[in-house]
Amino acid sequence: MPTKKQHYVPRVYLKSWEAKVETTNEPTKKFDGVYFFEDGATVGEGRTIEAILWEPHIYTISFRQLYIADRCPKVYSHFVDKVYEAMIHNCPKPVYGKLGYSVIRNKQSVQKHLRDIDKWEFYYIDDNSLARKNAIINRLDDMNCYIIEDSFDRLYETRWESILRDFVNEVQSALPVPGGSGERMISEEAAKNMMEFFFMMLCRSPQFDAMGIYTWISDILKQAFGAGDEVDDFMDAIWFAELYSMFFKNQGGFYNTALSMSVDKLQFILFEAYPGAGTFITSDNPAFQHISHVETTNMNGYCFPISPQHFLFIAKGSEPVNFVDYRMADRLTVKKFNQIVASHSKKVIVASEKIRQNLY
């Protein structure tokens, strides 16, 4: 069911960090949740995973963004259906449209002419009298499409728990590759499923910037037209088109390009925390590219904490994608990765432990 409350960090992903937590106001009242650190807080606040890391309508495509239809045909078809239904059930009476000599009465004609709906005139079906165009257009402008939100759930989120379990279990149980340098070979399915989920998480984040391209486009538009809702809506539409490509196209866009290249160019390193070495944190930006010229070269790559016990580091490699380097992490390593996660967060980190000092 579509919702205004859309999580940009999926609740199913955050479930791994759930523990018995409490709030500052009610320290004796334990409940299932995570510790939420906002704006540099030193002590975490217990929150349910339903209550955090969401924004209203962050993935909702509005009718005003119909101009992305050429890149998102399913979005266009959705609005064709909605407009046709709105015409049939128009209050107080059903209407039809006219555009020049074209009469728009059925779904096929709506499909043909919807891009030019601002030029339509509307007439009541029963007596052919002129209807109030502005009132009808205003109602249509309130229509939304939830295909992005629905697709996240249908194609990725419902599968995450099994993807995580299979990946970790296969790495832990696999024998080292003979003659290798410690890698373990898992099934291609488990490796590719994890890589797909990682790039999905990278693309779905509000901080996703396709290597700086979006910021560049946004800066140019704001210089030309000034800051405002129109530029923001246009940038959202570009992002929606990128997400649509991830769901419904096999090529093109950042996701498909990165995924096809990663099979040959990238390698997983799975870090598992030693017992007593602490726990990994996550954040409001859980999947990200880390580049630092201060650190050694092997600290540059993609990062993705997948549970309090496990951290994925994805770097350049020469082995097949299903050859996973499996390493144990001591306290210093755990804290080092947590520092990196915190440095890439926007303003929130999430943990299964309450005291920030214990984390990094």
Protein backbone atom coordinates (compact mmCIF):
# COMPACT_ATOMS: atom_id res chain seq x y z
CA MET A 1 0.00 0.00 0.00
CA PRO A 2 1.54 3.37 -0.98
CA THR A 3 2.62 5.52 1.94
CA LYS A 4 3.70 9.10 2.44
CA LYS A 5 6.25 7.87 5.01
CA GLN A 6 8.99 6.42 2.79
CA HIS A 7 12.18 5.00 4.29
CA TYR A 8 15.38 5.80 2.39
CA VAL A 9 17.17 3.31 4.66
CA PRO A 10 14.96 0.18 4.56
CA ARG A 11 13.55 -1.10 7.84
CA VAL A 12 14.39 -4.66 6.82
CA TYR A 13 18.05 -3.61 6.56
CA LEU A 14 17.98 -1.88 9.98
CA LYS A 15 16.52 -4.98 11.66
CA SER A 16 20.03 -6.40 12.07
CA TRP A 17 20.82 -3.57 14.51
CA GLU A 18 17.71 -4.10 16.63
CA ALA A 19 18.29 -4.73 20.32
CA LYS A 20 16.57 -3.99 23.62
CA VAL A 21 16.91 -0.22 23.88
CA GLU A 22 15.60 2.64 25.98
CA THR A 23 15.17 6.40 25.81
CA THR A 24 16.67 9.04 28.11
CA ASN A 25 13.21 9.97 29.37
CA GLU A 26 12.21 6.38 30.19
CA PRO A 27 15.45 4.45 30.90
CA THR A 28 13.66 1.51 32.55
CA LYS A 29 11.23 0.94 29.67
CA LYS A 30 12.92 -1.45 27.25
CA PHE A 31 11.66 -2.02 23.72
CA ASP A 32 12.87 -3.44 20.40
CA GLY A 33 14.73 -0.77 18.47
CA VAL A 34 18.09 0.79 17.65
CA TYR A 35 20.20 3.56 19.13
CA PHE A 36 19.90 6.76 17.13
CA PHE A 37 22.73 9.33 17.29
CA GLU A 38 21.87 12.67 15.73
CA ASP A 39 24.11 15.71 15.19
CA GLY A 40 27.08 14.35 17.12
CA ALA A 41 25.22 13.11 20.21
CA THR A 42 27.42 11.13 22.61
CA VAL A 43 24.56 8.99 23.96
CA GLY A 44 22.10 7.27 21.65
CA GLU A 45 18.34 7.51 21.92
CA GLY A 46 16.30 4.35 21.54
CA ARG A 47 14.01 4.50 18.52
CA THR A 48 11.93 1.96 16.65
CA ILE A 49 13.09 1.30 13.10
CA GLU A 50 9.67 2.43 11.84
CA ALA A 51 10.26 5.92 13.29
CA ILE A 52 13.61 6.78 11.71
CA LEU A 53 15.32 7.53 8.38
CA TRP A 54 12.28 8.36 6.32
CA GLU A 55 11.02 11.39 4.44
CA PRO A 56 7.53 12.16 3.19
CA HIS A 57 7.07 11.26 -0.47
CA ILE A 58 10.81 10.97 -1.15
CA TYR A 59 10.14 8.42 -3.95
CA THR A 60 6.72 9.69 -5.01
CA ILE A 61 6.47 10.89 -8.62
CA SER A 62 3.96 13.70 -8.98
CA PHE A 63 1.85 14.42 -12.05
CA ARG A 64 3.82 17.66 -12.47
CA GLN A 65 6.87 15.49 -13.27
CA LEU A 66 5.20 13.87 -16.28
CA TYR A 67 8.07 15.17 -18.42
CA ILE A 68 10.13 12.12 -17.41
CA ALA A 69 7.60 9.92 -19.25
CA ASP A 70 9.82 9.32 -22.28
CA ARG A 71 12.35 7.61 -20.00
CA CYS A 72 9.75 5.97 -17.74
CA PRO A 73 6.92 4.48 -19.86
CA LYS A 74 5.32 2.66 -16.91
CA VAL A 75 4.98 5.99 -15.11
CA TYR A 76 3.29 7.44 -18.19
CA SER A 77 0.90 4.46 -18.39
CA HIS A 78 0.06 4.90 -14.71
CA PHE A 79 -0.93 8.52 -15.23
CA VAL A 80 -2.89 7.64 -18.38
CA ASP A 81 -5.00 5.29 -16.27
CA LYS A 82 -5.39 7.85 -13.47
CA VAL A 83 -6.37 10.70 -15.82
CA TYR A 84 -8.88 8.52 -17.66
CA GLU A 85 -10.45 7.42 -14.36
CA ALA A 86 -10.55 11.03 -13.17
CA MET A 87 -12.38 12.10 -16.34
CA ILE A 88 -14.97 9.32 -15.98
CA HIS A 89 -15.56 10.05 -12.29
CA ASN A 90 -15.21 13.83 -12.51
CA CYS A 91 -17.40 15.74 -10.08
CA PRO A 92 -20.03 16.96 -10.66
CA LYS A 93 -20.19 15.26 -14.08
CA PRO A 94 -17.91 13.13 -16.32
CA VAL A 95 -15.88 15.02 -18.90
CA TYR A 96 -14.05 14.45 -22.16
CA GLY A 97 -11.22 16.45 -23.70
CA LYS A 98 -10.52 18.24 -26.96
CA LEU A 99 -7.17 19.15 -28.46
CA GLY A 100 -7.59 20.88 -31.79
CA TYR A 101 -9.68 18.50 -33.91
CA SER A 102 -8.94 15.52 -31.64
CA VAL A 103 -11.63 14.32 -29.25
CA ILE A 104 -10.28 12.60 -26.15
CA ARG A 105 -12.87 10.20 -24.78
CA ASN A 106 -11.13 6.85 -24.27
CA LYS A 107 -7.90 5.57 -22.77
CA GLN A 108 -6.20 5.27 -26.15
CA SER A 109 -6.73 8.95 -26.92
CA VAL A 110 -5.56 9.94 -23.43
CA GLN A 111 -2.43 7.86 -24.07
CA LYS A 112 -1.82 9.73 -27.35
CA HIS A 113 -2.37 13.26 -26.08
CA LEU A 114 -1.55 13.29 -22.37
CA ARG A 115 1.76 15.13 -22.82
CA ASP A 116 -0.23 18.12 -24.11
CA ILE A 117 -2.90 18.08 -21.40
CA ASP A 118 -2.28 21.76 -20.57
CA LYS A 119 -3.63 22.57 -24.04
CA TRP A 120 -6.81 20.50 -23.68
CA GLU A 121 -10.28 21.93 -23.24
CA PHE A 122 -12.74 19.90 -21.18
CA TYR A 123 -16.44 19.37 -21.86
CA TYR A 124 -19.18 17.64 -19.91
CA ILE A 125 -20.21 14.39 -21.58
CA ASP A 126 -23.95 14.70 -21.00
CA ASP A 127 -24.52 18.12 -22.61
CA ASN A 128 -21.18 19.05 -24.30
CA SER A 129 -20.98 22.26 -22.26
CA LEU A 130 -17.56 23.69 -21.38
CA ALA A 131 -16.14 22.47 -18.05
CA ARG A 132 -13.87 24.42 -15.71
CA LYS A 133 -10.41 23.52 -16.96
CA ASN A 134 -8.42 24.98 -14.05
CA ALA A 135 -10.38 23.01 -11.46
CA ILE A 136 -9.83 19.76 -13.37
CA ILE A 137 -6.11 20.38 -13.94
CA ASN A 138 -5.64 21.29 -10.27
CA ARG A 139 -7.14 17.95 -9.24
CA LEU A 140 -4.94 16.09 -11.71
CA ASP A 141 -1.87 17.87 -10.35
CA ASP A 142 -2.55 16.20 -6.99
CA MET A 143 -2.12 12.71 -8.50
CA ASN A 144 0.94 10.67 -7.58
CA CYS A 145 2.72 7.54 -8.80
CA TYR A 146 4.27 5.17 -6.24
CA ILE A 147 6.00 2.81 -8.66
CA ILE A 148 9.48 3.57 -7.24
CA GLU A 149 8.50 2.89 -3.64
CA ASP A 150 6.59 -0.27 -4.61
CA SER A 151 9.51 -1.57 -6.69
CA PHE A 152 12.02 -1.17 -3.85
CA ASP A 153 9.84 -3.41 -1.74
CA ARG A 154 8.95 -5.92 -4.44
CA LEU A 155 12.38 -6.37 -6.03
CA TYR A 156 14.81 -5.82 -3.19
CA GLU A 157 13.58 -5.34 0.36
CA THR A 158 11.56 -8.56 0.60
CA ARG A 159 14.73 -10.47 -0.39
CA TRP A 160 17.29 -8.77 1.89
CA GLU A 161 17.16 -11.14 4.86
CA SER A 162 17.78 -14.19 2.68
CA ILE A 163 20.48 -12.34 0.67
CA LEU A 164 22.31 -11.43 3.88
CA ARG A 165 21.94 -14.88 5.42
CA ASP A 166 23.05 -16.77 2.30
CA PHE A 167 26.03 -14.52 1.65
CA VAL A 168 27.43 -14.67 5.19
CA ASN A 169 26.72 -18.38 5.63
CA GLU A 170 28.37 -19.29 2.33
CA VAL A 171 31.48 -17.24 3.10
CA GLN A 172 31.80 -18.69 6.60
CA SER A 173 31.38 -22.29 5.45
CA ALA A 174 33.45 -22.17 2.24
CA LEU A 175 36.99 -23.51 2.14
CA PRO A 176 39.85 -21.22 1.03
CA VAL A 177 40.52 -21.34 -2.71
CA PRO A 178 43.51 -23.67 -3.39
CA GLY A 179 46.58 -21.69 -4.38
CA GLY A 180 44.83 -18.41 -3.64
CA SER A 181 45.60 -15.73 -1.07
CA GLY A 182 42.83 -16.56 1.36
CA GLU A 183 39.73 -15.98 -0.78
CA ARG A 184 36.73 -18.24 -0.42
CA MET A 185 34.56 -19.17 -3.36
CA ILE A 186 30.81 -18.80 -2.90
CA SER A 187 27.99 -19.22 -5.41
CA GLU A 188 27.71 -16.60 -8.15
CA GLU A 189 24.07 -16.12 -7.18
CA ALA A 190 24.90 -15.16 -3.59
CA ALA A 191 27.67 -12.79 -4.73
CA LYS A 192 25.60 -11.11 -7.44
CA ASN A 193 22.57 -10.74 -5.16
CA MET A 194 24.70 -8.92 -2.61
CA MET A 195 26.29 -6.72 -5.28
CA GLU A 196 22.85 -5.83 -6.67
CA PHE A 197 21.58 -4.90 -3.23
CA PHE A 198 24.65 -2.79 -2.51
CA PHE A 199 24.30 -0.72 -5.68
CA MET A 200 20.56 -0.39 -5.07
CA MET A 201 21.33 1.04 -1.61
CA LEU A 202 23.88 3.38 -3.15
CA CYS A 203 21.37 4.68 -5.71
CA ARG A 204 18.39 5.01 -3.36
CA SER A 205 20.16 7.26 -0.90
CA PRO A 206 19.19 10.95 -1.04
CA GLN A 207 22.95 11.62 -0.97
CA PHE A 208 23.53 9.63 -4.17
CA ASP A 209 25.26 11.90 -6.65
CA ALA A 210 26.45 9.65 -9.52
CA MET A 211 30.06 10.73 -8.98
CA GLY A 212 29.22 14.45 -8.84
CA ILE A 213 27.12 14.63 -12.01
CA TYR A 214 23.87 15.61 -10.25
CA THR A 215 25.54 18.40 -8.29
CA TRP A 216 27.03 19.76 -11.52
CA ILE A 217 23.64 19.78 -13.28
CA SER A 218 21.91 21.32 -10.26
CA ASP A 219 24.49 24.11 -9.97
CA ILE A 220 24.09 25.01 -13.65
CA LEU A 221 20.29 25.12 -13.37
CA LYS A 222 20.36 27.21 -10.21
CA GLN A 223 22.77 29.67 -11.80
CA ALA A 224 20.42 30.01 -14.77
CA PHE A 225 17.03 29.94 -13.03
CA GLY A 226 17.79 30.57 -9.35
CA ALA A 227 17.11 28.25 -6.44
CA GLY A 228 13.51 27.12 -6.20
CA ASP A 229 10.99 24.31 -6.29
CA GLU A 230 11.13 23.95 -10.08
CA VAL A 231 14.85 23.15 -10.09
CA ASP A 232 14.42 20.77 -7.14
CA ASP A 233 11.52 19.00 -8.88
CA PHE A 234 13.59 18.64 -12.05
CA MET A 235 16.54 17.17 -10.12
CA ASP A 236 14.20 14.75 -8.37
CA ALA A 237 12.86 13.70 -11.77
CA ILE A 238 16.39 12.93 -13.00
CA TRP A 239 16.95 10.78 -9.91
CA PHE A 240 13.59 9.03 -10.42
CA ALA A 241 14.57 8.23 -14.00
CA GLU A 242 17.81 6.69 -12.69
CA LEU A 243 15.87 4.56 -10.19
CA TYR A 244 13.35 3.58 -12.87
CA SER A 245 16.20 2.38 -15.07
CA MET A 246 17.43 0.23 -12.19
CA PHE A 247 14.04 -1.47 -11.86
CA PHE A 248 12.84 -1.80 -15.44
CA LYS A 249 15.80 -1.60 -17.83
CA ASN A 250 18.70 -3.96 -18.43
CA GLN A 251 21.18 -1.36 -19.56
CA GLY A 252 21.98 2.32 -19.19
CA GLY A 253 22.12 4.44 -16.07
CA PHE A 254 24.53 4.26 -13.17
CA TYR A 255 23.13 1.08 -11.58
CA ASN A 256 23.24 -1.16 -14.66
CA THR A 257 26.60 0.18 -15.80
CA ALA A 258 28.21 -0.18 -12.37
CA LEU A 259 26.76 -3.65 -11.86
CA SER A 260 28.00 -4.97 -15.19
CA MET A 261 31.49 -3.60 -14.56
CA SER A 262 31.65 -4.81 -10.96
CA VAL A 263 31.48 -8.49 -11.94
CA ASP A 264 34.89 -8.20 -13.59
CA LYS A 265 36.48 -5.31 -11.69
CA LEU A 266 35.44 -5.49 -8.03
CA GLN A 267 35.96 -7.94 -5.19
CA PHE A 268 34.26 -8.35 -1.82
CA ILE A 269 36.16 -8.29 1.44
CA LEU A 270 33.94 -9.44 4.30
CA PHE A 271 35.08 -8.32 7.76
CA GLU A 272 33.64 -10.13 10.76
CA ALA A 273 34.15 -8.64 14.21
CA TYR A 274 35.97 -10.83 16.72
CA PRO A 275 33.88 -11.61 19.83
CA GLY A 276 34.42 -8.69 22.20
CA ALA A 277 35.85 -6.44 19.46
CA GLY A 278 32.77 -4.22 19.36
CA THR A 279 30.04 -3.77 16.77
CA PHE A 280 29.80 -2.04 13.42
CA ILE A 281 27.51 0.96 13.04
CA THR A 282 25.46 2.16 10.09
CA SER A 283 24.01 5.54 9.18
CA ASP A 284 21.58 7.58 7.13
CA ASN A 285 24.00 7.01 4.22
CA PRO A 286 24.86 3.32 4.63
CA ALA A 287 26.31 2.54 1.18
CA PHE A 288 28.99 4.88 -0.11
CA GLN A 289 32.29 5.30 -1.92
CA HIS A 290 35.23 6.09 0.34
CA ILE A 291 38.27 7.81 -1.13
CA SER A 292 41.03 9.23 1.03
CA HIS A 293 44.49 10.26 -0.11
CA VAL A 294 45.65 10.24 3.52
CA GLU A 295 45.02 6.55 4.04
CA THR A 296 46.78 3.70 2.32
CA THR A 297 45.51 2.71 -1.12
CA ASN A 298 43.70 -0.38 0.13
CA MET A 299 41.34 1.79 2.21
CA ASN A 300 39.83 3.28 -0.95
CA GLY A 301 36.70 1.55 -2.19
CA TYR A 302 33.01 1.07 -1.51
CA CYS A 303 31.75 0.51 2.04
CA PHE A 304 28.59 -1.19 3.26
CA PRO A 305 27.97 -2.27 6.87
CA ILE A 306 25.55 -5.20 6.65
CA SER A 307 25.11 -6.05 10.35
CA PRO A 308 26.66 -5.18 13.73
CA GLN A 309 29.02 -8.14 13.21
CA HIS A 310 29.77 -7.80 9.49
CA PHE A 311 31.16 -5.09 7.23
CA LEU A 312 31.58 -5.27 3.46
CA PHE A 313 34.46 -3.51 1.80
CA ILE A 314 34.37 -3.60 -2.01
CA ALA A 315 37.58 -2.81 -3.83
CA LYS A 316 39.33 -3.35 -7.15
CA GLY A 317 40.24 -6.98 -7.65
CA SER A 318 41.45 -9.45 -10.22
CA GLU A 319 39.44 -12.46 -9.05
CA PRO A 320 35.83 -13.36 -10.01
CA VAL A 321 33.17 -11.57 -8.00
CA ASN A 322 32.29 -14.77 -6.10
CA PHE A 323 35.83 -15.05 -4.68
CA VAL A 324 35.37 -13.34 -1.30
CA ASP A 325 38.24 -12.32 0.94
CA TYR A 326 37.17 -13.20 4.51
CA ARG A 327 38.88 -11.45 7.41
CA MET A 328 38.38 -11.08 11.14
CA ALA A 329 38.30 -7.56 12.56
CA ASP A 330 39.84 -6.61 15.90
CA ARG A 331 38.66 -3.64 17.99
CA LEU A 332 40.91 -1.15 16.18
CA THR A 333 39.63 -2.29 12.78
CA VAL A 334 36.00 -2.09 13.90
CA LYS A 335 36.52 1.43 15.24
CA LYS A 336 38.35 2.46 12.06
CA PHE A 337 35.45 1.38 9.85
CA ASN A 338 32.97 3.01 12.22
CA GLN A 339 34.87 6.28 11.91
CA ILE A 340 34.60 6.01 8.12
CA VAL A 341 30.85 5.29 8.32
CA ALA A 342 30.34 8.26 10.64
CA SER A 343 32.36 10.56 8.35
CA HIS A 344 30.07 9.71 5.40
CA SER A 345 26.82 10.07 7.34
CA LYS A 346 24.68 13.12 6.72
CA LYS A 347 23.71 13.71 10.33
CA VAL A 348 22.61 10.37 11.83
CA ILE A 349 24.36 7.16 12.84
CA VAL A 350 22.57 4.01 13.99
CA ALA A 351 23.98 1.41 16.37
CA SER A 352 23.03 -1.48 18.60
CA GLU A 353 25.05 0.07 21.45
CA LYS A 354 24.16 3.19 23.44
CA ILE A 355 27.47 4.95 24.15
CA ARG A 356 29.18 6.62 21.20
CA GLN A 357 32.63 6.39 22.80
CA ASN A 358 32.39 2.60 22.73
CA LEU A 359 31.82 2.64 18.98
CA TYR A 360 34.69 4.71 17.59
